[in-house]
Amino acid sequence: MKKYRVNVNGTAYEVEIEEMAGAPVAAPVAAPAAAPAPAASGAGESINAPMPGNILSVNVAAGDTVKKGQVLMVLEAMKMENEIMAPRDGKVTAVAVAKGAAVESGALLCTIQ
């Protein structure tokens, strides 16, 4: 058995692969490292994805002032559009996703100060 650590969408998995007798074994090919998603560097309250899905629209940018209940972005999950709203008044300090991005549950979307 050989152990490998595989990183899929930011989650690390440990995998064991058994070598079979008589079967030709190819040398593992190193995949090019994918560029990590840009981390939001803004201070303040984190707004996270409530569920996995795709970002259909981003309605704010860093530096924008928002009011409580204002739609920050739209997340499509299971063919439904979910509006991600500002939990309070404040200023957007960072936006961590772009239109078309696929996000996992709990992924950082933006921060509000």
N, C-alpha and C. Protein backbone atom coordinates (compact mmCIF):
# COMPACT_ATOMS: atom_id res chain seq x y z
N MET A 1 0.84 -1.18 0.00
CA MET A 1 0.00 0.00 0.00
C MET A 1 0.88 1.24 0.00
N LYS A 2 0.47 2.19 -0.79
CA LYS A 2 1.14 3.48 -0.80
C LYS A 2 0.12 4.53 -0.37
N LYS A 3 0.58 5.49 0.42
CA LYS A 3 -0.28 6.55 0.89
C LYS A 3 0.03 7.83 0.12
N TYR A 4 -1.03 8.54 -0.25
CA TYR A 4 -0.90 9.82 -0.93
C TYR A 4 -1.82 10.82 -0.25
N ARG A 5 -1.43 12.07 -0.28
CA ARG A 5 -2.30 13.14 0.21
C ARG A 5 -2.74 13.91 -1.02
N VAL A 6 -4.07 14.03 -1.17
CA VAL A 6 -4.66 14.68 -2.33
C VAL A 6 -5.46 15.88 -1.83
N ASN A 7 -5.33 17.00 -2.52
CA ASN A 7 -6.05 18.21 -2.17
C ASN A 7 -7.11 18.46 -3.24
N VAL A 8 -8.40 18.45 -2.84
CA VAL A 8 -9.51 18.66 -3.76
C VAL A 8 -10.32 19.84 -3.25
N ASN A 9 -10.36 20.91 -4.03
CA ASN A 9 -11.12 22.12 -3.67
C ASN A 9 -10.79 22.61 -2.28
N GLY A 10 -9.53 22.57 -1.91
CA GLY A 10 -9.11 23.09 -0.62
C GLY A 10 -9.23 22.12 0.54
N THR A 11 -9.74 20.91 0.30
CA THR A 11 -9.86 19.91 1.35
C THR A 11 -8.83 18.83 1.11
N ALA A 12 -8.03 18.52 2.14
CA ALA A 12 -6.98 17.51 2.01
C ALA A 12 -7.56 16.13 2.36
N TYR A 13 -7.24 15.14 1.53
CA TYR A 13 -7.66 13.76 1.75
C TYR A 13 -6.42 12.88 1.74
N GLU A 14 -6.41 11.85 2.58
CA GLU A 14 -5.33 10.89 2.57
C GLU A 14 -5.87 9.63 1.88
N VAL A 15 -5.14 9.15 0.89
CA VAL A 15 -5.60 8.02 0.08
C VAL A 15 -4.56 6.91 0.13
N GLU A 16 -5.03 5.68 0.26
CA GLU A 16 -4.15 4.51 0.20
C GLU A 16 -4.44 3.77 -1.09
N ILE A 17 -3.37 3.42 -1.81
CA ILE A 17 -3.52 2.71 -3.08
C ILE A 17 -2.75 1.41 -2.98
N GLU A 18 -3.43 0.33 -3.33
CA GLU A 18 -2.81 -0.99 -3.27
C GLU A 18 -2.24 -1.35 -4.63
N GLU A 19 -0.99 -1.81 -4.64
CA GLU A 19 -0.38 -2.27 -5.87
C GLU A 19 -0.77 -3.72 -6.09
N MET A 20 -1.20 -4.04 -7.28
CA MET A 20 -1.64 -5.40 -7.61
C MET A 20 -0.49 -6.15 -8.27
N ALA A 21 -0.29 -7.38 -7.88
CA ALA A 21 0.77 -8.21 -8.45
C ALA A 21 0.45 -8.49 -9.92
N GLY A 22 1.47 -8.39 -10.77
CA GLY A 22 1.30 -8.70 -12.18
C GLY A 22 0.80 -7.54 -13.02
N ALA A 23 0.24 -6.54 -12.40
CA ALA A 23 -0.25 -5.39 -13.16
C ALA A 23 0.88 -4.37 -13.29
N PRO A 24 1.05 -3.84 -14.49
CA PRO A 24 2.09 -2.82 -14.65
C PRO A 24 1.74 -1.59 -13.82
N VAL A 25 2.75 -1.05 -13.18
CA VAL A 25 2.54 0.12 -12.33
C VAL A 25 3.19 1.31 -13.00
N ALA A 26 2.39 2.30 -13.29
CA ALA A 26 2.91 3.52 -13.90
C ALA A 26 3.37 4.46 -12.80
N ALA A 27 4.43 5.19 -13.09
CA ALA A 27 4.93 6.17 -12.13
C ALA A 27 3.90 7.28 -11.99
N PRO A 28 3.66 7.75 -10.75
CA PRO A 28 2.69 8.83 -10.58
C PRO A 28 3.17 10.10 -11.28
N VAL A 29 2.24 10.80 -11.87
CA VAL A 29 2.55 12.04 -12.56
C VAL A 29 2.10 13.19 -11.67
N ALA A 30 2.98 14.11 -11.41
CA ALA A 30 2.64 15.26 -10.57
C ALA A 30 1.77 16.21 -11.37
N ALA A 31 0.62 16.52 -10.83
CA ALA A 31 -0.27 17.48 -11.47
C ALA A 31 0.20 18.89 -11.14
N PRO A 32 0.01 19.80 -12.06
CA PRO A 32 0.42 21.18 -11.76
C PRO A 32 -0.42 21.72 -10.60
N ALA A 33 0.23 22.45 -9.74
CA ALA A 33 -0.47 23.01 -8.57
C ALA A 33 -1.43 24.08 -9.04
N ALA A 34 -2.67 23.99 -8.59
CA ALA A 34 -3.67 24.99 -8.92
C ALA A 34 -3.45 26.21 -8.04
N ALA A 35 -3.70 27.35 -8.60
CA ALA A 35 -3.54 28.58 -7.83
C ALA A 35 -4.64 28.63 -6.77
N PRO A 36 -4.29 28.94 -5.53
CA PRO A 36 -5.31 29.01 -4.49
C PRO A 36 -6.23 30.19 -4.73
N ALA A 37 -7.46 30.07 -4.24
CA ALA A 37 -8.42 31.16 -4.38
C ALA A 37 -7.92 32.35 -3.58
N PRO A 38 -8.17 33.55 -4.06
CA PRO A 38 -7.69 34.70 -3.32
C PRO A 38 -8.37 34.78 -1.96
N ALA A 39 -7.59 34.99 -0.94
CA ALA A 39 -8.14 35.10 0.41
C ALA A 39 -8.59 36.53 0.65
N ALA A 40 -9.72 36.66 1.28
CA ALA A 40 -10.20 37.99 1.60
C ALA A 40 -9.37 38.52 2.76
N SER A 41 -8.81 39.68 2.56
CA SER A 41 -7.91 40.22 3.57
C SER A 41 -8.59 41.29 4.42
N GLY A 42 -9.88 41.48 4.23
CA GLY A 42 -10.57 42.53 4.96
C GLY A 42 -10.89 42.14 6.39
N ALA A 43 -10.96 43.14 7.23
CA ALA A 43 -11.33 42.92 8.62
C ALA A 43 -12.84 43.03 8.75
N GLY A 44 -13.38 42.43 9.79
CA GLY A 44 -14.80 42.56 10.04
C GLY A 44 -15.49 41.22 10.12
N GLU A 45 -16.81 41.25 10.01
CA GLU A 45 -17.64 40.05 10.12
C GLU A 45 -17.61 39.26 8.81
N SER A 46 -17.34 37.98 8.92
CA SER A 46 -17.29 37.12 7.73
C SER A 46 -18.70 36.74 7.31
N ILE A 47 -18.97 36.82 6.03
CA ILE A 47 -20.22 36.34 5.45
C ILE A 47 -19.86 35.07 4.71
N ASN A 48 -20.40 33.92 5.16
CA ASN A 48 -20.05 32.62 4.59
C ASN A 48 -21.22 32.03 3.82
N ALA A 49 -20.89 31.13 2.90
CA ALA A 49 -21.91 30.45 2.10
C ALA A 49 -22.71 29.50 3.00
N PRO A 50 -24.03 29.60 2.99
CA PRO A 50 -24.85 28.72 3.82
C PRO A 50 -24.95 27.30 3.26
N MET A 51 -24.60 27.13 1.98
CA MET A 51 -24.69 25.84 1.32
C MET A 51 -23.79 25.84 0.10
N PRO A 52 -23.44 24.67 -0.44
CA PRO A 52 -22.63 24.66 -1.66
C PRO A 52 -23.46 25.13 -2.85
N GLY A 53 -22.80 25.77 -3.79
CA GLY A 53 -23.51 26.23 -4.98
C GLY A 53 -22.61 27.07 -5.87
N ASN A 54 -23.23 27.78 -6.80
CA ASN A 54 -22.52 28.65 -7.74
C ASN A 54 -22.96 30.09 -7.54
N ILE A 55 -22.00 31.00 -7.61
CA ILE A 55 -22.30 32.42 -7.47
C ILE A 55 -22.84 32.94 -8.81
N LEU A 56 -24.10 33.38 -8.81
CA LEU A 56 -24.71 33.90 -10.04
C LEU A 56 -24.39 35.38 -10.23
N SER A 57 -24.35 36.15 -9.13
CA SER A 57 -24.02 37.56 -9.24
C SER A 57 -23.41 38.06 -7.95
N VAL A 58 -22.52 39.03 -8.09
CA VAL A 58 -21.91 39.70 -6.95
C VAL A 58 -22.32 41.16 -7.08
N ASN A 59 -23.10 41.65 -6.10
CA ASN A 59 -23.68 42.98 -6.20
C ASN A 59 -22.90 44.05 -5.45
N VAL A 60 -21.81 43.68 -4.80
CA VAL A 60 -21.02 44.63 -4.02
C VAL A 60 -19.54 44.50 -4.38
N ALA A 61 -18.78 45.51 -4.01
CA ALA A 61 -17.33 45.49 -4.18
C ALA A 61 -16.71 46.00 -2.89
N ALA A 62 -15.44 45.72 -2.70
CA ALA A 62 -14.74 46.21 -1.52
C ALA A 62 -14.84 47.73 -1.48
N GLY A 63 -15.19 48.25 -0.31
CA GLY A 63 -15.33 49.70 -0.14
C GLY A 63 -16.77 50.17 -0.19
N ASP A 64 -17.69 49.33 -0.68
CA ASP A 64 -19.10 49.71 -0.74
C ASP A 64 -19.71 49.77 0.66
N THR A 65 -20.62 50.71 0.87
CA THR A 65 -21.38 50.79 2.11
C THR A 65 -22.70 50.06 1.88
N VAL A 66 -23.08 49.18 2.84
CA VAL A 66 -24.30 48.39 2.69
C VAL A 66 -25.22 48.60 3.89
N LYS A 67 -26.49 48.35 3.69
CA LYS A 67 -27.51 48.43 4.74
C LYS A 67 -27.96 47.02 5.08
N LYS A 68 -28.43 46.83 6.30
CA LYS A 68 -28.92 45.53 6.75
C LYS A 68 -30.03 45.07 5.80
N GLY A 69 -29.94 43.81 5.33
CA GLY A 69 -30.93 43.24 4.42
C GLY A 69 -30.64 43.46 2.95
N GLN A 70 -29.62 44.26 2.63
CA GLN A 70 -29.25 44.50 1.23
C GLN A 70 -28.67 43.21 0.64
N VAL A 71 -29.02 42.90 -0.60
CA VAL A 71 -28.52 41.70 -1.27
C VAL A 71 -27.06 41.91 -1.67
N LEU A 72 -26.18 41.07 -1.11
CA LEU A 72 -24.75 41.15 -1.41
C LEU A 72 -24.41 40.36 -2.66
N MET A 73 -25.00 39.16 -2.77
CA MET A 73 -24.76 38.30 -3.92
C MET A 73 -25.87 37.27 -4.01
N VAL A 74 -25.92 36.58 -5.14
CA VAL A 74 -26.93 35.53 -5.35
C VAL A 74 -26.19 34.22 -5.54
N LEU A 75 -26.60 33.22 -4.74
CA LEU A 75 -26.00 31.88 -4.76
C LEU A 75 -27.04 30.90 -5.30
N GLU A 76 -26.70 30.19 -6.37
CA GLU A 76 -27.60 29.18 -6.92
C GLU A 76 -27.24 27.83 -6.32
N ALA A 77 -28.23 27.18 -5.72
CA ALA A 77 -28.04 25.85 -5.15
C ALA A 77 -29.29 25.03 -5.46
N MET A 78 -29.11 23.86 -6.01
CA MET A 78 -30.22 22.96 -6.36
C MET A 78 -31.28 23.68 -7.21
N LYS A 79 -30.81 24.43 -8.21
CA LYS A 79 -31.66 25.14 -9.16
C LYS A 79 -32.51 26.24 -8.53
N MET A 80 -32.14 26.67 -7.30
CA MET A 80 -32.84 27.77 -6.65
C MET A 80 -31.86 28.91 -6.42
N GLU A 81 -32.33 30.13 -6.61
CA GLU A 81 -31.50 31.30 -6.38
C GLU A 81 -31.70 31.77 -4.94
N ASN A 82 -30.60 31.83 -4.19
CA ASN A 82 -30.64 32.24 -2.79
C ASN A 82 -29.92 33.58 -2.66
N GLU A 83 -30.61 34.58 -2.13
CA GLU A 83 -30.00 35.88 -1.93
C GLU A 83 -29.21 35.88 -0.64
N ILE A 84 -27.96 36.27 -0.70
CA ILE A 84 -27.11 36.41 0.48
C ILE A 84 -27.19 37.88 0.87
N MET A 85 -27.78 38.14 2.05
CA MET A 85 -28.04 39.52 2.48
C MET A 85 -27.10 39.97 3.58
N ALA A 86 -26.91 41.27 3.66
CA ALA A 86 -26.07 41.85 4.70
C ALA A 86 -26.77 41.68 6.06
N PRO A 87 -26.04 41.14 7.05
CA PRO A 87 -26.64 40.93 8.37
C PRO A 87 -26.77 42.23 9.16
N ARG A 88 -26.05 43.28 8.73
CA ARG A 88 -26.07 44.56 9.44
C ARG A 88 -25.56 45.66 8.51
N ASP A 89 -25.74 46.89 8.95
CA ASP A 89 -25.17 48.03 8.21
C ASP A 89 -23.65 47.97 8.34
N GLY A 90 -22.96 48.43 7.33
CA GLY A 90 -21.51 48.46 7.41
C GLY A 90 -20.86 48.74 6.07
N LYS A 91 -19.57 48.48 6.04
CA LYS A 91 -18.77 48.71 4.84
C LYS A 91 -18.13 47.38 4.43
N VAL A 92 -18.23 47.03 3.16
CA VAL A 92 -17.62 45.80 2.65
C VAL A 92 -16.11 46.02 2.62
N THR A 93 -15.38 45.18 3.37
CA THR A 93 -13.92 45.34 3.40
C THR A 93 -13.22 44.43 2.41
N ALA A 94 -13.88 43.33 2.01
CA ALA A 94 -13.28 42.41 1.03
C ALA A 94 -14.36 41.53 0.42
N VAL A 95 -14.17 41.19 -0.84
CA VAL A 95 -15.04 40.23 -1.53
C VAL A 95 -14.14 39.08 -1.97
N ALA A 96 -14.49 37.85 -1.53
CA ALA A 96 -13.62 36.69 -1.76
C ALA A 96 -14.04 35.83 -2.94
N VAL A 97 -15.16 36.13 -3.59
CA VAL A 97 -15.63 35.31 -4.71
C VAL A 97 -15.98 36.20 -5.90
N ALA A 98 -16.07 35.57 -7.04
CA ALA A 98 -16.46 36.28 -8.26
C ALA A 98 -17.64 35.56 -8.90
N LYS A 99 -18.32 36.25 -9.80
CA LYS A 99 -19.44 35.66 -10.52
C LYS A 99 -18.97 34.38 -11.21
N GLY A 100 -19.76 33.32 -11.09
CA GLY A 100 -19.43 32.04 -11.72
C GLY A 100 -18.64 31.10 -10.84
N ALA A 101 -18.18 31.55 -9.69
CA ALA A 101 -17.39 30.69 -8.80
C ALA A 101 -18.26 29.63 -8.15
N ALA A 102 -17.70 28.44 -7.99
CA ALA A 102 -18.35 27.36 -7.25
C ALA A 102 -17.84 27.42 -5.83
N VAL A 103 -18.74 27.41 -4.85
CA VAL A 103 -18.34 27.51 -3.45
C VAL A 103 -18.89 26.33 -2.66
N GLU A 104 -18.17 25.98 -1.62
CA GLU A 104 -18.60 24.94 -0.70
C GLU A 104 -19.34 25.57 0.47
N SER A 105 -20.07 24.79 1.20
CA SER A 105 -20.76 25.27 2.39
C SER A 105 -19.73 25.82 3.38
N GLY A 106 -19.98 27.01 3.89
CA GLY A 106 -19.06 27.63 4.85
C GLY A 106 -17.94 28.44 4.22
N ALA A 107 -17.86 28.47 2.90
CA ALA A 107 -16.79 29.23 2.23
C ALA A 107 -17.00 30.72 2.46
N LEU A 108 -15.90 31.45 2.64
CA LEU A 108 -15.96 32.89 2.83
C LEU A 108 -16.40 33.56 1.53
N LEU A 109 -17.43 34.40 1.63
CA LEU A 109 -17.93 35.15 0.46
C LEU A 109 -17.43 36.59 0.50
N CYS A 110 -17.57 37.24 1.66
CA CYS A 110 -17.10 38.60 1.82
C CYS A 110 -17.03 38.94 3.30
N THR A 111 -16.49 40.10 3.61
CA THR A 111 -16.45 40.57 5.00
C THR A 111 -17.03 41.99 5.06
N ILE A 112 -17.70 42.25 6.19
CA ILE A 112 -18.34 43.56 6.40
C ILE A 112 -17.85 44.09 7.73
N GLN A 113 -17.45 45.36 7.75
CA GLN A 113 -16.99 45.99 8.99
C GLN A 113 -17.95 47.08 9.38
